[in-house]
Amino acid sequence: LHHIHHRSPTMPWYELPGHFRRNRRAVLEANGNFYYRGYGEVARRYLLRPVFRPVHPQW
């Protein structure tokens, strides 16, 4: 839904889920198949593990 929001910023928020359901294949192709089922999935994947380890330029 975030991808759709950025592609169509004037689309009302309540239309985003329906738009995704109707255009799922095209949306996933456009955003590189980036998809999470919800915040629970994001939390399970990344809550206790860092997404990346930044390197400080002076270390």
Protein backbone atom coordinates (compact mmCIF):
# COMPACT_ATOMS: atom_id res chain seq x y z
CA LEU A 1 0.00 0.00 0.00
CA HIS A 2 2.90 2.31 0.67
CA HIS A 3 4.08 1.93 -2.92
CA ILE A 4 0.60 2.72 -4.24
CA HIS A 5 0.40 5.75 -1.98
CA HIS A 6 3.61 7.12 -3.45
CA ARG A 7 2.60 6.32 -7.01
CA SER A 8 -0.86 7.87 -6.54
CA PRO A 9 -0.62 10.35 -3.65
CA THR A 10 -4.06 11.84 -4.31
CA MET A 11 -5.83 8.47 -4.00
CA PRO A 12 -7.88 8.39 -0.79
CA TRP A 13 -6.41 6.04 1.82
CA TYR A 14 -9.58 3.96 1.97
CA GLU A 15 -9.24 3.09 -1.73
CA LEU A 16 -5.68 1.75 -1.42
CA PRO A 17 -6.55 -1.83 -0.34
CA GLY A 18 -9.07 -2.27 -3.15
CA HIS A 19 -6.65 -0.86 -5.68
CA PHE A 20 -4.01 -3.31 -4.47
CA ARG A 21 -6.39 -6.27 -4.69
CA ARG A 22 -7.44 -5.34 -8.22
CA ASN A 23 -3.89 -4.64 -9.42
CA ARG A 24 -1.81 -6.93 -7.23
CA ARG A 25 0.39 -8.36 -9.98
CA ALA A 26 1.21 -4.98 -11.52
CA VAL A 27 1.88 -3.37 -8.13
CA LEU A 28 4.22 -6.17 -7.06
CA GLU A 29 6.06 -6.08 -10.38
CA ALA A 30 6.48 -2.31 -10.07
CA ASN A 31 7.88 -2.46 -6.54
CA GLY A 32 10.15 -5.48 -6.98
CA ASN A 33 7.76 -7.90 -5.22
CA PHE A 34 8.24 -6.06 -1.94
CA TYR A 35 5.32 -7.15 0.24
CA TYR A 36 4.64 -7.75 3.93
CA ARG A 37 1.41 -9.22 5.23
CA GLY A 38 1.37 -6.71 8.08
CA TYR A 39 3.30 -5.15 10.92
CA GLY A 40 3.47 -8.51 12.70
CA GLU A 41 5.57 -9.94 9.90
CA VAL A 42 7.88 -6.93 9.97
CA ALA A 43 8.25 -7.23 13.74
CA ARG A 44 9.00 -10.97 13.56
CA ARG A 45 11.68 -10.39 10.96
CA TYR A 46 13.40 -7.31 12.32
CA LEU A 47 12.45 -6.60 15.94
CA LEU A 48 15.37 -8.47 17.43
CA ARG A 49 17.72 -8.31 14.44
CA PRO A 50 19.15 -5.23 12.81
CA VAL A 51 18.13 -4.59 9.22
CA PHE A 52 21.62 -3.31 8.49
CA ARG A 53 24.75 -2.48 10.44
CA PRO A 54 25.87 1.03 9.65
CA VAL A 55 29.58 1.70 9.78
CA HIS A 56 30.64 4.93 11.37
CA PRO A 57 33.14 6.71 9.10
CA GLN A 58 35.59 7.24 11.98
CA TRP A 59 35.59 3.67 13.32
